[in-house]
């Protein structure tokens, strides 16, 4: 049997990111595009509070944007493009790892 070793080279800026969602689809060329995002509650641009005896009151008067409590953001830092063969290989790899986790969690 012939063996081949793969060596991994990491760019200095390599920095794994946490994601909890993805958005994408097919490009006009038939390739897959996946944009990974971190979904979280929106943060205010500003908030206004009362000042009582030189101390901030804990109760907010208003905030910008006004619909802050009905908002969330999806922060997209990276995405990938891949062809059909690569998508199939990643699908198989991910499926195998999901099955392993399910075997551990549901013996």
N, C-alpha and C. Protein backbone atom coordinates (compact mmCIF):
# COMPACT_ATOMS: atom_id res chain seq x y z
N UNK A 1 0.84 -1.17 0.00
CA UNK A 1 0.00 0.00 0.00
C UNK A 1 0.89 1.24 0.00
N UNK A 2 0.56 2.18 -0.87
CA UNK A 2 1.30 3.43 -0.95
C UNK A 2 0.70 4.43 0.02
N UNK A 3 1.53 5.18 0.71
CA UNK A 3 1.07 6.17 1.68
C UNK A 3 1.44 7.57 1.21
N UNK A 4 0.58 8.52 1.54
CA UNK A 4 0.82 9.93 1.25
C UNK A 4 0.51 10.72 2.51
N UNK A 5 1.44 11.57 2.91
CA UNK A 5 1.24 12.40 4.10
C UNK A 5 0.78 13.79 3.66
N UNK A 6 -0.28 14.30 4.31
CA UNK A 6 -0.73 15.68 4.09
C UNK A 6 -0.20 16.54 5.22
N UNK A 7 0.43 17.61 4.87
CA UNK A 7 0.92 18.55 5.85
C UNK A 7 0.03 19.77 5.84
N UNK A 8 -0.33 20.26 7.01
CA UNK A 8 -1.22 21.41 7.13
C UNK A 8 -0.40 22.66 7.41
N UNK A 9 -0.67 23.70 6.66
CA UNK A 9 0.00 24.98 6.83
C UNK A 9 -1.04 25.99 7.27
N UNK A 10 -0.80 26.61 8.42
CA UNK A 10 -1.74 27.59 8.96
C UNK A 10 -1.21 28.99 8.73
N UNK A 11 -2.02 29.84 8.16
CA UNK A 11 -1.71 31.24 7.99
C UNK A 11 -1.57 31.87 9.38
N UNK A 12 -0.70 32.86 9.53
CA UNK A 12 -0.51 33.51 10.83
C UNK A 12 -1.80 34.12 11.36
N UNK A 13 -2.70 34.50 10.47
CA UNK A 13 -3.95 35.11 10.90
C UNK A 13 -5.06 34.08 11.17
N UNK A 14 -4.71 32.79 11.11
CA UNK A 14 -5.71 31.74 11.38
C UNK A 14 -6.29 31.94 12.77
N UNK A 15 -7.62 32.05 12.83
CA UNK A 15 -8.30 32.32 14.09
C UNK A 15 -9.72 31.78 13.97
N UNK A 16 -9.98 30.56 14.45
CA UNK A 16 -11.31 29.97 14.32
C UNK A 16 -12.37 30.86 14.97
N UNK A 17 -13.53 30.91 14.36
CA UNK A 17 -14.64 31.73 14.84
C UNK A 17 -15.81 30.83 15.21
N UNK A 18 -16.55 31.25 16.23
CA UNK A 18 -17.78 30.55 16.60
C UNK A 18 -18.90 31.03 15.68
N UNK A 19 -19.69 30.11 15.17
CA UNK A 19 -20.87 30.45 14.37
C UNK A 19 -22.06 29.68 14.91
N UNK A 20 -23.24 30.26 14.73
CA UNK A 20 -24.45 29.54 15.11
C UNK A 20 -25.48 29.58 13.99
N UNK A 21 -25.01 29.87 12.79
CA UNK A 21 -25.91 29.83 11.64
C UNK A 21 -25.17 30.05 10.34
N UNK A 22 -25.89 29.82 9.25
CA UNK A 22 -25.30 30.01 7.92
C UNK A 22 -26.40 30.41 6.95
N UNK A 23 -25.99 31.12 5.92
CA UNK A 23 -26.90 31.54 4.86
C UNK A 23 -26.17 31.40 3.54
N UNK A 24 -26.84 30.99 2.52
CA UNK A 24 -26.18 30.86 1.23
C UNK A 24 -27.04 30.12 0.24
N UNK A 25 -26.40 29.52 -0.73
CA UNK A 25 -27.10 28.80 -1.79
C UNK A 25 -26.15 28.52 -2.95
N UNK A 26 -26.72 28.46 -4.13
CA UNK A 26 -25.94 28.21 -5.33
C UNK A 26 -25.63 29.51 -6.06
N UNK A 27 -24.42 29.59 -6.59
CA UNK A 27 -24.04 30.73 -7.41
C UNK A 27 -24.57 30.50 -8.83
N UNK A 28 -24.57 31.53 -9.67
CA UNK A 28 -24.97 31.33 -11.07
C UNK A 28 -24.11 30.30 -11.80
N UNK A 29 -22.88 30.05 -11.30
CA UNK A 29 -22.01 29.04 -11.91
C UNK A 29 -22.25 27.65 -11.34
N UNK A 30 -23.22 27.51 -10.44
CA UNK A 30 -23.54 26.20 -9.87
C UNK A 30 -22.65 25.79 -8.72
N UNK A 31 -21.92 26.74 -8.15
CA UNK A 31 -21.09 26.43 -6.99
C UNK A 31 -21.86 26.79 -5.72
N UNK A 32 -21.43 26.23 -4.62
CA UNK A 32 -22.07 26.47 -3.34
C UNK A 32 -21.40 27.65 -2.65
N UNK A 33 -22.21 28.54 -2.09
CA UNK A 33 -21.68 29.63 -1.28
C UNK A 33 -22.36 29.53 0.09
N UNK A 34 -21.53 29.56 1.13
CA UNK A 34 -22.04 29.50 2.50
C UNK A 34 -21.41 30.64 3.28
N UNK A 35 -22.25 31.52 3.81
CA UNK A 35 -21.78 32.61 4.66
C UNK A 35 -22.15 32.28 6.09
N UNK A 36 -21.16 32.20 6.94
CA UNK A 36 -21.38 31.83 8.34
C UNK A 36 -21.59 33.09 9.17
N UNK A 37 -22.52 33.00 10.11
CA UNK A 37 -22.78 34.16 10.95
C UNK A 37 -22.92 33.78 12.41
N UNK A 38 -22.75 34.79 13.25
CA UNK A 38 -23.03 34.71 14.68
C UNK A 38 -24.26 35.58 14.90
N UNK A 39 -25.34 34.95 15.36
CA UNK A 39 -26.58 35.68 15.62
C UNK A 39 -26.64 36.05 17.09
N UNK A 40 -26.98 37.30 17.36
CA UNK A 40 -27.05 37.77 18.75
C UNK A 40 -28.02 38.93 18.84
N UNK A 41 -28.35 39.29 20.06
CA UNK A 41 -29.19 40.47 20.29
C UNK A 41 -28.46 41.71 19.80
N UNK A 42 -29.24 42.67 19.34
CA UNK A 42 -28.65 43.92 18.89
C UNK A 42 -28.20 44.75 20.09
N UNK A 43 -27.17 45.53 19.88
CA UNK A 43 -26.68 46.46 20.91
C UNK A 43 -27.12 47.86 20.53
N UNK A 44 -27.39 48.70 21.51
CA UNK A 44 -27.83 50.05 21.19
C UNK A 44 -26.69 50.91 20.65
N UNK A 45 -27.06 51.86 19.78
CA UNK A 45 -26.10 52.89 19.36
C UNK A 45 -25.93 53.90 20.48
N UNK A 46 -27.03 54.15 21.20
CA UNK A 46 -26.99 55.04 22.36
C UNK A 46 -28.17 54.73 23.26
N UNK A 47 -28.06 55.13 24.52
CA UNK A 47 -29.13 54.99 25.50
C UNK A 47 -29.20 56.28 26.30
N UNK A 48 -30.41 56.64 26.75
CA UNK A 48 -30.59 57.83 27.56
C UNK A 48 -31.15 57.42 28.91
N UNK A 49 -30.53 57.97 29.97
CA UNK A 49 -30.95 57.68 31.34
C UNK A 49 -31.16 58.99 32.07
N UNK A 50 -31.95 58.96 33.13
CA UNK A 50 -32.11 60.13 34.00
C UNK A 50 -30.88 60.25 34.89
N UNK A 51 -30.57 61.47 35.21
CA UNK A 51 -29.49 61.75 36.15
C UNK A 51 -30.16 62.27 37.43
N UNK A 52 -30.03 61.51 38.50
CA UNK A 52 -30.65 61.87 39.78
C UNK A 52 -29.54 62.04 40.81
N UNK A 53 -29.43 63.24 41.31
CA UNK A 53 -28.40 63.57 42.30
C UNK A 53 -27.01 63.10 41.85
N UNK A 54 -26.66 63.46 40.61
CA UNK A 54 -25.36 63.13 40.01
C UNK A 54 -25.11 61.63 39.86
N UNK A 55 -26.18 60.84 39.84
CA UNK A 55 -26.04 59.40 39.61
C UNK A 55 -27.01 58.99 38.51
N UNK A 56 -26.58 58.06 37.69
CA UNK A 56 -27.45 57.55 36.64
C UNK A 56 -28.53 56.67 37.23
N UNK A 57 -29.77 56.92 36.81
CA UNK A 57 -30.87 56.05 37.17
C UNK A 57 -30.74 54.79 36.33
N UNK A 58 -31.03 53.63 36.88
CA UNK A 58 -30.89 52.36 36.16
C UNK A 58 -31.95 52.18 35.07
N UNK A 59 -33.04 52.91 35.16
CA UNK A 59 -34.11 52.74 34.19
C UNK A 59 -33.84 53.58 32.95
N UNK A 60 -33.83 52.92 31.81
CA UNK A 60 -33.57 53.58 30.53
C UNK A 60 -34.78 54.40 30.11
N UNK A 61 -34.53 55.62 29.61
CA UNK A 61 -35.61 56.46 29.09
C UNK A 61 -35.89 56.10 27.64
N UNK A 62 -34.83 56.02 26.83
CA UNK A 62 -34.98 55.56 25.46
C UNK A 62 -33.63 55.08 24.94
N UNK A 63 -33.67 54.47 23.76
CA UNK A 63 -32.44 54.00 23.14
C UNK A 63 -32.56 54.13 21.63
N UNK A 64 -31.41 54.18 20.98
CA UNK A 64 -31.35 54.18 19.52
C UNK A 64 -30.69 52.88 19.08
N UNK A 65 -31.25 52.16 18.15
CA UNK A 65 -32.52 52.45 17.48
C UNK A 65 -33.71 52.20 18.40
N UNK A 66 -34.83 52.79 18.04
CA UNK A 66 -36.01 52.71 18.89
C UNK A 66 -36.57 51.29 18.97
N UNK A 67 -36.35 50.49 17.94
CA UNK A 67 -36.86 49.11 17.92
C UNK A 67 -35.82 48.10 18.42
N UNK A 68 -34.91 48.55 19.25
CA UNK A 68 -33.81 47.71 19.74
C UNK A 68 -34.30 46.39 20.32
N UNK A 69 -35.36 46.41 21.12
CA UNK A 69 -35.83 45.19 21.77
C UNK A 69 -36.45 44.20 20.79
N UNK A 70 -36.73 44.63 19.57
CA UNK A 70 -37.28 43.75 18.55
C UNK A 70 -36.25 43.46 17.46
N UNK A 71 -34.99 43.68 17.77
CA UNK A 71 -33.93 43.53 16.77
C UNK A 71 -32.90 42.51 17.19
N UNK A 72 -32.29 41.90 16.21
CA UNK A 72 -31.11 41.08 16.42
C UNK A 72 -30.19 41.30 15.24
N UNK A 73 -28.95 40.91 15.38
CA UNK A 73 -27.99 41.07 14.29
C UNK A 73 -27.37 39.73 13.95
N UNK A 74 -26.95 39.62 12.73
CA UNK A 74 -26.17 38.47 12.27
C UNK A 74 -24.84 39.01 11.78
N UNK A 75 -23.80 38.72 12.52
CA UNK A 75 -22.46 39.19 12.20
C UNK A 75 -21.81 38.16 11.29
N UNK A 76 -21.51 38.57 10.08
CA UNK A 76 -20.90 37.68 9.09
C UNK A 76 -19.43 38.05 8.97
N UNK A 77 -18.55 37.13 9.35
CA UNK A 77 -17.11 37.39 9.26
C UNK A 77 -16.45 36.58 8.15
N UNK A 78 -17.07 35.48 7.76
CA UNK A 78 -16.43 34.66 6.73
C UNK A 78 -17.45 33.82 6.00
N UNK A 79 -17.04 33.33 4.88
CA UNK A 79 -17.85 32.46 4.06
C UNK A 79 -16.96 31.61 3.20
N UNK A 80 -17.55 30.64 2.54
CA UNK A 80 -16.78 29.76 1.67
C UNK A 80 -17.54 29.53 0.36
N UNK A 81 -16.78 29.31 -0.68
CA UNK A 81 -17.30 28.88 -1.98
C UNK A 81 -16.71 27.51 -2.26
N UNK A 82 -17.54 26.60 -2.77
CA UNK A 82 -17.03 25.27 -3.09
C UNK A 82 -17.80 24.67 -4.25
N UNK A 83 -17.16 23.72 -4.91
CA UNK A 83 -17.82 23.03 -6.00
C UNK A 83 -18.63 21.84 -5.47
N UNK A 84 -19.35 21.19 -6.36
CA UNK A 84 -20.22 20.08 -5.99
C UNK A 84 -19.45 18.94 -5.31
N UNK A 85 -18.31 18.56 -5.85
CA UNK A 85 -17.54 17.45 -5.28
C UNK A 85 -17.08 17.76 -3.86
N UNK A 86 -16.62 18.96 -3.63
CA UNK A 86 -16.17 19.35 -2.29
C UNK A 86 -17.36 19.39 -1.33
N UNK A 87 -18.50 19.92 -1.78
CA UNK A 87 -19.70 19.96 -0.94
C UNK A 87 -20.12 18.54 -0.55
N UNK A 88 -20.07 17.60 -1.47
CA UNK A 88 -20.42 16.20 -1.17
C UNK A 88 -19.46 15.62 -0.14
N UNK A 89 -18.16 15.88 -0.29
CA UNK A 89 -17.16 15.34 0.64
C UNK A 89 -17.36 15.93 2.04
N UNK A 90 -17.63 17.22 2.13
CA UNK A 90 -17.86 17.85 3.43
C UNK A 90 -19.16 17.34 4.05
N UNK A 91 -20.18 17.16 3.24
CA UNK A 91 -21.45 16.60 3.71
C UNK A 91 -21.24 15.22 4.32
N UNK A 92 -20.48 14.38 3.64
CA UNK A 92 -20.18 13.03 4.15
C UNK A 92 -19.39 13.11 5.45
N UNK A 93 -18.35 13.94 5.49
CA UNK A 93 -17.50 14.10 6.67
C UNK A 93 -18.32 14.59 7.86
N UNK A 94 -19.14 15.62 7.63
CA UNK A 94 -19.96 16.16 8.70
C UNK A 94 -20.99 15.14 9.17
N UNK A 95 -21.60 14.41 8.24
CA UNK A 95 -22.56 13.37 8.59
C UNK A 95 -21.96 12.30 9.47
N UNK A 96 -20.73 11.90 9.17
CA UNK A 96 -20.04 10.89 9.99
C UNK A 96 -19.81 11.41 11.41
N UNK A 97 -19.40 12.65 11.54
CA UNK A 97 -19.15 13.23 12.87
C UNK A 97 -20.46 13.42 13.65
N UNK A 98 -21.52 13.81 12.96
CA UNK A 98 -22.82 13.93 13.61
C UNK A 98 -23.28 12.56 14.12
N UNK A 99 -23.10 11.53 13.32
CA UNK A 99 -23.47 10.16 13.75
C UNK A 99 -22.67 9.74 14.97
N UNK A 100 -21.39 10.08 15.01
CA UNK A 100 -20.56 9.75 16.19
C UNK A 100 -21.08 10.43 17.45
N UNK A 101 -21.45 11.71 17.34
CA UNK A 101 -21.99 12.44 18.49
C UNK A 101 -23.32 11.82 18.91
N UNK A 102 -24.16 11.47 17.96
CA UNK A 102 -25.46 10.87 18.29
C UNK A 102 -25.27 9.51 18.97
N UNK A 103 -24.27 8.75 18.56
CA UNK A 103 -23.99 7.46 19.20
C UNK A 103 -23.57 7.67 20.65
N UNK A 104 -22.80 8.70 20.91
CA UNK A 104 -22.34 9.00 22.27
C UNK A 104 -23.50 9.49 23.14
N UNK A 105 -24.32 10.38 22.58
CA UNK A 105 -25.42 10.97 23.36
C UNK A 105 -26.62 10.05 23.52
N UNK A 106 -26.79 9.12 22.60
CA UNK A 106 -27.93 8.20 22.64
C UNK A 106 -27.46 6.75 22.53
N UNK A 107 -26.82 6.24 23.58
CA UNK A 107 -26.26 4.87 23.47
C UNK A 107 -27.32 3.80 23.32
